[in-house]
Amino acid sequence: GDKPALICVEDGRSLTWRQLADLCARVAQFLQERGIGANDRVAVLGENSIETLILYYGVQARGATWCTVHVEVNSNHLVEMVERIAPRLVLWQDDLDLGAAGIEAAGDAAVDWIAYGQFDAADSFFSLLPVEAGEIVPVNQPEDRCVISFTSGTSAQPKGVLHSFCNYQAIAQHQLDRWEMTADDRVLEFRSFSWASAHMLSLNPVALAGATLIFAKNFSRSRFVAWLTEYRPT
């Protein structure tokens, strides 16, 4: 309901579970209207933000495959990695400098590239979504691809890792049970949402528990104690 689902420590913005559910349903409906279904790949290029999380949950609500690249760490490989993903749709954060990574503003003519800004901005991607959320009818099966994420490429070329819906569900349930997580928990996450470990250890267990995700764009040594003091993660 009206309990906080997402809280961003960078700007104090937040979403309730009701708001997040509504936005996810609208994202799912948008993808349905574009004919994007199970195992169709939607690439998302962006930093940790409320908008990126809406897309993370919304693409999976449809039953499509959420594909992500760490735009900072993998900048030298970005073009090649997007080509390997072979997405049906690319959503990119509107203030990213894709030109510096070698990507033309229009991108591949065969693929739709849509910039996304803040979810409440009148001219953002989110303004293209259906005004009212329809019923979510997922099109995936348990073994279909839920997420494609990439390794960092510190010792070799970044490798794409394929994750199934049932794999992500099982790992999230394991963490929920292991930590005895409940709706009263507040989880602080400052690792990139491009990493599968962030999905497995915080994003998905929080969704199962109905807990609250408190997040930052990245770690800050100078602000970390203030985050603990102000937001009281459990």
C-alpha atoms as a PDB file:
ATOM      1  CA  GLY A   1       0.000   0.000   0.000  1.00  0.00           C
ATOM      2  CA  ASP A   2       1.306   3.411   1.009  1.00  0.00           C
ATOM      3  CA  LYS A   3       4.405   2.078   2.741  1.00  0.00           C
ATOM      4  CA  PRO A   4       7.713   3.334   1.236  1.00  0.00           C
ATOM      5  CA  ALA A   5       9.131   0.896  -1.303  1.00  0.00           C
ATOM      6  CA  LEU A   6      12.068   2.928  -2.642  1.00  0.00           C
ATOM      7  CA  ILE A   7      13.953   5.823  -1.051  1.00  0.00           C
ATOM      8  CA  CYS A   8      16.830   7.560  -2.832  1.00  0.00           C
ATOM      9  CA  VAL A   9      19.347   9.107  -0.438  1.00  0.00           C
ATOM     10  CA  GLU A  10      20.774  11.328  -3.199  1.00  0.00           C
ATOM     11  CA  ASP A  11      17.685  13.516  -3.555  1.00  0.00           C
ATOM     12  CA  GLY A  12      15.225  12.229  -0.954  1.00  0.00           C
ATOM     13  CA  ARG A  13      12.694  11.114  -3.563  1.00  0.00           C
ATOM     14  CA  SER A  14      10.633   8.031  -2.773  1.00  0.00           C
ATOM     15  CA  LEU A  15       7.894   5.768  -4.103  1.00  0.00           C
ATOM     16  CA  THR A  16       5.299   3.797  -2.186  1.00  0.00           C
ATOM     17  CA  TRP A  17       4.582   0.192  -3.086  1.00  0.00           C
ATOM     18  CA  ARG A  18       1.246   1.316  -4.549  1.00  0.00           C
ATOM     19  CA  GLN A  19       2.959   3.868  -6.796  1.00  0.00           C
ATOM     20  CA  LEU A  20       5.637   1.379  -7.840  1.00  0.00           C
ATOM     21  CA  ALA A  21       3.042  -1.278  -8.665  1.00  0.00           C
ATOM     22  CA  ASP A  22       1.110   1.216 -10.791  1.00  0.00           C
ATOM     23  CA  LEU A  23       4.216   2.316 -12.722  1.00  0.00           C
ATOM     24  CA  CYS A  24       5.376  -1.284 -13.243  1.00  0.00           C
ATOM     25  CA  ALA A  25       1.978  -2.241 -14.641  1.00  0.00           C
ATOM     26  CA  ARG A  26       2.120   0.694 -17.031  1.00  0.00           C
ATOM     27  CA  VAL A  27       5.644  -0.229 -18.171  1.00  0.00           C
ATOM     28  CA  ALA A  28       4.485  -3.811 -18.720  1.00  0.00           C
ATOM     29  CA  GLN A  29       1.483  -2.587 -20.723  1.00  0.00           C
ATOM     30  CA  PHE A  30       3.726  -0.314 -22.820  1.00  0.00           C
ATOM     31  CA  LEU A  31       5.942  -3.295 -23.682  1.00  0.00           C
ATOM     32  CA  GLN A  32       2.902  -5.439 -24.455  1.00  0.00           C
ATOM     33  CA  GLU A  33       1.607  -2.821 -26.887  1.00  0.00           C
ATOM     34  CA  ARG A  34       5.003  -2.889 -28.643  1.00  0.00           C
ATOM     35  CA  GLY A  35       4.865  -6.684 -28.972  1.00  0.00           C
ATOM     36  CA  ILE A  36       7.730  -7.300 -26.549  1.00  0.00           C
ATOM     37  CA  GLY A  37       7.344 -10.631 -24.782  1.00  0.00           C
ATOM     38  CA  ALA A  38       9.210 -13.483 -23.141  1.00  0.00           C
ATOM     39  CA  ASN A  39      12.958 -13.554 -23.865  1.00  0.00           C
ATOM     40  CA  ASP A  40      12.741 -10.296 -25.808  1.00  0.00           C
ATOM     41  CA  ARG A  41      15.592  -8.142 -24.581  1.00  0.00           C
ATOM     42  CA  VAL A  42      15.164  -4.633 -23.229  1.00  0.00           C
ATOM     43  CA  ALA A  43      18.512  -2.940 -22.589  1.00  0.00           C
ATOM     44  CA  VAL A  44      18.624  -0.304 -19.863  1.00  0.00           C
ATOM     45  CA  LEU A  45      21.607   2.047 -19.684  1.00  0.00           C
ATOM     46  CA  GLY A  46      21.493   4.116 -16.526  1.00  0.00           C
ATOM     47  CA  GLU A  47      22.795   4.765 -13.047  1.00  0.00           C
ATOM     48  CA  ASN A  48      21.122   3.883  -9.756  1.00  0.00           C
ATOM     49  CA  SER A  49      17.874   5.831  -9.656  1.00  0.00           C
ATOM     50  CA  ILE A  50      14.192   5.414  -8.930  1.00  0.00           C
ATOM     51  CA  GLU A  51      13.599   5.396 -12.687  1.00  0.00           C
ATOM     52  CA  THR A  52      16.067   2.561 -13.287  1.00  0.00           C
ATOM     53  CA  LEU A  53      14.343   0.522 -10.582  1.00  0.00           C
ATOM     54  CA  ILE A  54      10.905   1.164 -12.097  1.00  0.00           C
ATOM     55  CA  LEU A  55      12.253  -0.254 -15.351  1.00  0.00           C
ATOM     56  CA  TYR A  56      13.947  -3.166 -13.559  1.00  0.00           C
ATOM     57  CA  TYR A  57      10.707  -4.312 -11.949  1.00  0.00           C
ATOM     58  CA  GLY A  58       8.466  -3.251 -14.840  1.00  0.00           C
ATOM     59  CA  VAL A  59      10.293  -5.161 -17.596  1.00  0.00           C
ATOM     60  CA  GLN A  60      10.215  -8.317 -15.469  1.00  0.00           C
ATOM     61  CA  ALA A  61       6.551  -7.749 -14.644  1.00  0.00           C
ATOM     62  CA  ARG A  62       5.905  -8.083 -18.364  1.00  0.00           C
ATOM     63  CA  GLY A  63       8.004 -11.257 -18.462  1.00  0.00           C
ATOM     64  CA  ALA A  64      10.615  -9.819 -20.824  1.00  0.00           C
ATOM     65  CA  THR A  65      14.397  -9.826 -20.278  1.00  0.00           C
ATOM     66  CA  TRP A  66      16.008  -6.884 -18.487  1.00  0.00           C
ATOM     67  CA  CYS A  67      19.521  -6.344 -19.864  1.00  0.00           C
ATOM     68  CA  THR A  68      21.969  -4.071 -18.154  1.00  0.00           C
ATOM     69  CA  VAL A  69      25.472  -2.731 -18.622  1.00  0.00           C
ATOM     70  CA  HIS A  70      27.413  -0.831 -15.976  1.00  0.00           C
ATOM     71  CA  VAL A  71      27.756   2.389 -17.977  1.00  0.00           C
ATOM     72  CA  GLU A  72      30.762   3.619 -15.979  1.00  0.00           C
ATOM     73  CA  VAL A  73      32.826   0.470 -15.456  1.00  0.00           C
ATOM     74  CA  ASN A  74      32.087  -0.979 -18.900  1.00  0.00           C
ATOM     75  CA  SER A  75      32.260   2.274 -20.897  1.00  0.00           C
ATOM     76  CA  ASN A  76      35.087   1.012 -23.131  1.00  0.00           C
ATOM     77  CA  HIS A  77      33.028  -2.036 -24.100  1.00  0.00           C
ATOM     78  CA  LEU A  78      29.603  -0.405 -24.214  1.00  0.00           C
ATOM     79  CA  VAL A  79      29.034  -0.478 -27.970  1.00  0.00           C
ATOM     80  CA  GLU A  80      30.145  -4.086 -28.332  1.00  0.00           C
ATOM     81  CA  MET A  81      28.131  -5.201 -25.303  1.00  0.00           C
ATOM     82  CA  VAL A  82      24.904  -3.611 -26.545  1.00  0.00           C
ATOM     83  CA  GLU A  83      25.451  -5.297 -29.902  1.00  0.00           C
ATOM     84  CA  ARG A  84      25.866  -8.646 -28.151  1.00  0.00           C
ATOM     85  CA  ILE A  85      22.616  -8.137 -26.260  1.00  0.00           C
ATOM     86  CA  ALA A  86      20.756  -7.586 -29.565  1.00  0.00           C
ATOM     87  CA  PRO A  87      17.907  -5.739 -27.819  1.00  0.00           C
ATOM     88  CA  ARG A  88      14.424  -5.047 -29.140  1.00  0.00           C
ATOM     89  CA  LEU A  89      14.457  -1.758 -27.240  1.00  0.00           C
ATOM     90  CA  VAL A  90      17.110   0.395 -25.539  1.00  0.00           C
ATOM     91  CA  LEU A  91      16.151   2.764 -22.731  1.00  0.00           C
ATOM     92  CA  TRP A  92      18.908   5.148 -21.687  1.00  0.00           C
ATOM     93  CA  GLN A  93      19.198   7.769 -18.991  1.00  0.00           C
ATOM     94  CA  ASP A  94      18.824  11.112 -20.704  1.00  0.00           C
ATOM     95  CA  ASP A  95      21.841  12.791 -19.084  1.00  0.00           C
ATOM     96  CA  LEU A  96      24.334  10.072 -19.985  1.00  0.00           C
ATOM     97  CA  ASP A  97      27.036  11.006 -22.502  1.00  0.00           C
ATOM     98  CA  LEU A  98      26.612   8.107 -24.904  1.00  0.00           C
ATOM     99  CA  GLY A  99      28.709   9.912 -27.489  1.00  0.00           C
ATOM    100  CA  ALA A 100      31.762   9.544 -25.258  1.00  0.00           C
ATOM    101  CA  ALA A 101      31.201   5.781 -25.359  1.00  0.00           C
ATOM    102  CA  GLY A 102      31.029   5.774 -29.141  1.00  0.00           C
ATOM    103  CA  ILE A 103      27.267   5.499 -29.487  1.00  0.00           C
ATOM    104  CA  GLU A 104      25.509   7.888 -31.843  1.00  0.00           C
ATOM    105  CA  ALA A 105      22.472   9.641 -30.407  1.00  0.00           C
ATOM    106  CA  ALA A 106      20.109   7.804 -32.764  1.00  0.00           C
ATOM    107  CA  GLY A 107      21.725   4.444 -32.123  1.00  0.00           C
ATOM    108  CA  ASP A 108      21.002   1.483 -34.394  1.00  0.00           C
ATOM    109  CA  ALA A 109      18.242   2.355 -36.826  1.00  0.00           C
ATOM    110  CA  ALA A 110      16.802  -1.153 -36.425  1.00  0.00           C
ATOM    111  CA  VAL A 111      16.401  -0.711 -32.659  1.00  0.00           C
ATOM    112  CA  ASP A 112      14.333   1.881 -30.824  1.00  0.00           C
ATOM    113  CA  TRP A 113      16.461   4.048 -28.528  1.00  0.00           C
ATOM    114  CA  ILE A 114      14.369   6.009 -26.032  1.00  0.00           C
ATOM    115  CA  ALA A 115      15.810   8.376 -23.430  1.00  0.00           C
ATOM    116  CA  TYR A 116      14.222   8.337 -19.998  1.00  0.00           C
ATOM    117  CA  GLY A 117      14.179  11.176 -17.500  1.00  0.00           C
ATOM    118  CA  GLN A 118      12.435  11.478 -14.162  1.00  0.00           C
ATOM    119  CA  PHE A 119       9.223   9.493 -13.898  1.00  0.00           C
ATOM    120  CA  ASP A 120       7.172  12.578 -13.000  1.00  0.00           C
ATOM    121  CA  ALA A 121       8.520  14.804 -15.804  1.00  0.00           C
ATOM    122  CA  ALA A 122       6.060  15.773 -18.516  1.00  0.00           C
ATOM    123  CA  ASP A 123       8.488  15.105 -21.359  1.00  0.00           C
ATOM    124  CA  SER A 124      10.123  11.896 -20.122  1.00  0.00           C
ATOM    125  CA  PHE A 125       9.779   8.324 -21.371  1.00  0.00           C
ATOM    126  CA  PHE A 126       7.308   7.721 -18.568  1.00  0.00           C
ATOM    127  CA  SER A 127       4.906  10.213 -20.141  1.00  0.00           C
ATOM    128  CA  LEU A 128       4.591   7.746 -23.047  1.00  0.00           C
ATOM    129  CA  LEU A 129       3.166   5.052 -20.784  1.00  0.00           C
ATOM    130  CA  PRO A 130      -0.558   4.278 -20.668  1.00  0.00           C
ATOM    131  CA  VAL A 131      -2.316   6.694 -18.338  1.00  0.00           C
ATOM    132  CA  GLU A 132      -4.018   3.925 -16.397  1.00  0.00           C
ATOM    133  CA  ALA A 133      -2.411   0.661 -15.422  1.00  0.00           C
ATOM    134  CA  GLY A 134      -3.992  -2.446 -16.867  1.00  0.00           C
ATOM    135  CA  GLU A 135      -3.844  -5.900 -15.346  1.00  0.00           C
ATOM    136  CA  ILE A 136      -0.361  -7.412 -15.520  1.00  0.00           C
ATOM    137  CA  VAL A 137      -0.403 -10.745 -17.328  1.00  0.00           C
ATOM    138  CA  PRO A 138       3.201 -12.043 -17.403  1.00  0.00           C
ATOM    139  CA  VAL A 139       4.097 -13.947 -20.562  1.00  0.00           C
ATOM    140  CA  ASN A 140       7.185 -15.754 -19.274  1.00  0.00           C
ATOM    141  CA  GLN A 141       7.734 -19.308 -18.118  1.00  0.00           C
ATOM    142  CA  PRO A 142      10.001 -20.093 -15.123  1.00  0.00           C
ATOM    143  CA  GLU A 143      12.987 -21.069 -17.310  1.00  0.00           C
ATOM    144  CA  ASP A 144      12.769 -17.973 -19.526  1.00  0.00           C
ATOM    145  CA  ARG A 145      15.454 -15.306 -19.293  1.00  0.00           C
ATOM    146  CA  CYS A 146      14.786 -12.823 -16.537  1.00  0.00           C
ATOM    147  CA  VAL A 147      18.021 -10.806 -16.638  1.00  0.00           C
ATOM    148  CA  ILE A 148      21.185 -10.612 -18.690  1.00  0.00           C
ATOM    149  CA  SER A 149      23.974  -8.953 -16.735  1.00  0.00           C
ATOM    150  CA  PHE A 150      27.670  -8.586 -17.436  1.00  0.00           C
ATOM    151  CA  THR A 151      30.804  -9.272 -15.461  1.00  0.00           C
ATOM    152  CA  SER A 152      33.139  -6.327 -14.916  1.00  0.00           C
ATOM    153  CA  GLY A 153      35.779  -7.431 -17.410  1.00  0.00           C
ATOM    154  CA  THR A 154      38.638  -6.777 -14.992  1.00  0.00           C
ATOM    155  CA  SER A 155      40.661  -9.783 -16.168  1.00  0.00           C
ATOM    156  CA  ALA A 156      39.136 -10.474 -19.602  1.00  0.00           C
ATOM    157  CA  GLN A 157      36.350  -9.385 -21.927  1.00  0.00           C
ATOM    158  CA  PRO A 158      33.085  -8.816 -20.003  1.00  0.00           C
ATOM    159  CA  LYS A 159      30.914 -11.920 -20.092  1.00  0.00           C
ATOM    160  CA  GLY A 160      27.145 -11.877 -20.390  1.00  0.00           C
ATOM    161  CA  VAL A 161      25.455 -13.988 -17.718  1.00  0.00           C
ATOM    162  CA  LEU A 162      21.965 -15.368 -18.367  1.00  0.00           C
ATOM    163  CA  HIS A 163      19.588 -15.594 -15.398  1.00  0.00           C
ATOM    164  CA  SER A 164      16.224 -17.345 -15.434  1.00  0.00           C
ATOM    165  CA  PHE A 165      13.118 -16.227 -13.574  1.00  0.00           C
ATOM    166  CA  CYS A 166      13.100 -19.364 -11.428  1.00  0.00           C
ATOM    167  CA  ASN A 167      16.782 -18.872 -10.541  1.00  0.00           C
ATOM    168  CA  TYR A 168      16.186 -15.291  -9.400  1.00  0.00           C
ATOM    169  CA  GLN A 169      13.072 -16.325  -7.491  1.00  0.00           C
ATOM    170  CA  ALA A 170      14.895 -19.123  -5.660  1.00  0.00           C
ATOM    171  CA  ILE A 171      17.851 -16.938  -4.680  1.00  0.00           C
ATOM    172  CA  ALA A 172      15.591 -14.132  -3.461  1.00  0.00           C
ATOM    173  CA  GLN A 173      13.544 -16.586  -1.410  1.00  0.00           C
ATOM    174  CA  HIS A 174      16.750 -18.018   0.070  1.00  0.00           C
ATOM    175  CA  GLN A 175      17.906 -14.559   1.188  1.00  0.00           C
ATOM    176  CA  LEU A 176      14.469 -13.768   2.575  1.00  0.00           C
ATOM    177  CA  ASP A 177      14.551 -16.931   4.690  1.00  0.00           C
ATOM    178  CA  ARG A 178      18.214 -16.659   5.639  1.00  0.00           C
ATOM    179  CA  TRP A 179      17.893 -13.127   6.962  1.00  0.00           C
ATOM    180  CA  GLU A 180      14.337 -13.626   8.255  1.00  0.00           C
ATOM    181  CA  MET A 181      13.424 -10.476   6.361  1.00  0.00           C
ATOM    182  CA  THR A 182      10.011  -8.920   6.966  1.00  0.00           C
ATOM    183  CA  ALA A 183       8.070  -5.905   5.747  1.00  0.00           C
ATOM    184  CA  ASP A 184       9.570  -3.922   8.646  1.00  0.00           C
ATOM    185  CA  ASP A 185      13.104  -4.207   7.266  1.00  0.00           C
ATOM    186  CA  ARG A 186      14.947  -1.354   5.572  1.00  0.00           C
ATOM    187  CA  VAL A 187      17.796  -2.410   3.276  1.00  0.00           C
ATOM    188  CA  LEU A 188      20.574   0.000   2.278  1.00  0.00           C
ATOM    189  CA  GLU A 189      22.093  -0.676  -1.158  1.00  0.00           C
ATOM    190  CA  PHE A 190      24.824   1.399  -2.807  1.00  0.00           C
ATOM    191  CA  ARG A 191      26.201  -1.083  -5.330  1.00  0.00           C
ATOM    192  CA  SER A 192      25.330  -0.720  -8.988  1.00  0.00           C
ATOM    193  CA  PHE A 193      21.924  -2.014 -10.060  1.00  0.00           C
ATOM    194  CA  SER A 194      23.809  -3.447 -13.032  1.00  0.00           C
ATOM    195  CA  TRP A 195      25.303  -6.152 -10.818  1.00  0.00           C
ATOM    196  CA  ALA A 196      23.375  -9.385 -10.389  1.00  0.00           C
ATOM    197  CA  SER A 197      24.429  -9.550  -6.740  1.00  0.00           C
ATOM    198  CA  ALA A 198      22.478  -6.353  -6.027  1.00  0.00           C
ATOM    199  CA  HIS A 199      19.407  -7.964  -7.594  1.00  0.00           C
ATOM    200  CA  MET A 200      19.846 -11.175  -5.608  1.00  0.00           C
ATOM    201  CA  LEU A 201      20.707  -9.711  -2.210  1.00  0.00           C
ATOM    202  CA  SER A 202      18.549  -6.606  -2.034  1.00  0.00           C
ATOM    203  CA  LEU A 203      16.247  -5.705  -4.941  1.00  0.00           C
ATOM    204  CA  ASN A 204      14.407  -9.027  -5.158  1.00  0.00           C
ATOM    205  CA  PRO A 205      14.250 -10.015  -1.455  1.00  0.00           C
ATOM    206  CA  VAL A 206      12.911  -6.537  -0.655  1.00  0.00           C
ATOM    207  CA  ALA A 207      10.136  -7.069  -3.215  1.00  0.00           C
ATOM    208  CA  LEU A 208       9.231 -10.476  -1.767  1.00  0.00           C
ATOM    209  CA  ALA A 209       9.152  -9.129   1.790  1.00  0.00           C
ATOM    210  CA  GLY A 210       7.436  -5.841   1.022  1.00  0.00           C
ATOM    211  CA  ALA A 211      10.325  -4.175   2.829  1.00  0.00           C
ATOM    212  CA  THR A 212      11.896  -0.803   1.989  1.00  0.00           C
ATOM    213  CA  LEU A 213      14.917  -0.310  -0.266  1.00  0.00           C
ATOM    214  CA  ILE A 214      17.092   2.676   0.623  1.00  0.00           C
ATOM    215  CA  PHE A 215      19.661   3.293  -2.090  1.00  0.00           C
ATOM    216  CA  ALA A 216      22.460   5.568  -3.234  1.00  0.00           C
ATOM    217  CA  LYS A 217      24.079   6.061  -6.628  1.00  0.00           C
ATOM    218  CA  ASN A 218      27.322   4.655  -5.225  1.00  0.00           C
ATOM    219  CA  PHE A 219      29.221   4.313  -1.962  1.00  0.00           C
ATOM    220  CA  SER A 220      30.301   7.465  -0.161  1.00  0.00           C
ATOM    221  CA  ARG A 221      32.747   7.190   2.695  1.00  0.00           C
ATOM    222  CA  SER A 222      31.989  10.734   3.860  1.00  0.00           C
ATOM    223  CA  ARG A 223      28.196  10.290   3.904  1.00  0.00           C
ATOM    224  CA  PHE A 224      27.845   6.663   4.952  1.00  0.00           C
ATOM    225  CA  VAL A 225      27.413   7.309   8.696  1.00  0.00           C
ATOM    226  CA  ALA A 226      24.863  10.042   7.952  1.00  0.00           C
ATOM    227  CA  TRP A 227      22.867   7.569   5.860  1.00  0.00           C
ATOM    228  CA  LEU A 228      22.796   5.136   8.775  1.00  0.00           C
ATOM    229  CA  THR A 229      21.769   7.873  11.190  1.00  0.00           C
ATOM    230  CA  GLU A 230      19.039   9.384   9.029  1.00  0.00           C
ATOM    231  CA  TYR A 231      17.532   6.350   7.322  1.00  0.00           C
ATOM    232  CA  ARG A 232      18.089   3.672   9.987  1.00  0.00           C
ATOM    233  CA  PRO A 233      18.549   0.591   7.783  1.00  0.00           C
ATOM    234  CA  THR A 234      18.051  -2.661   9.632  1.00  0.00           C
END
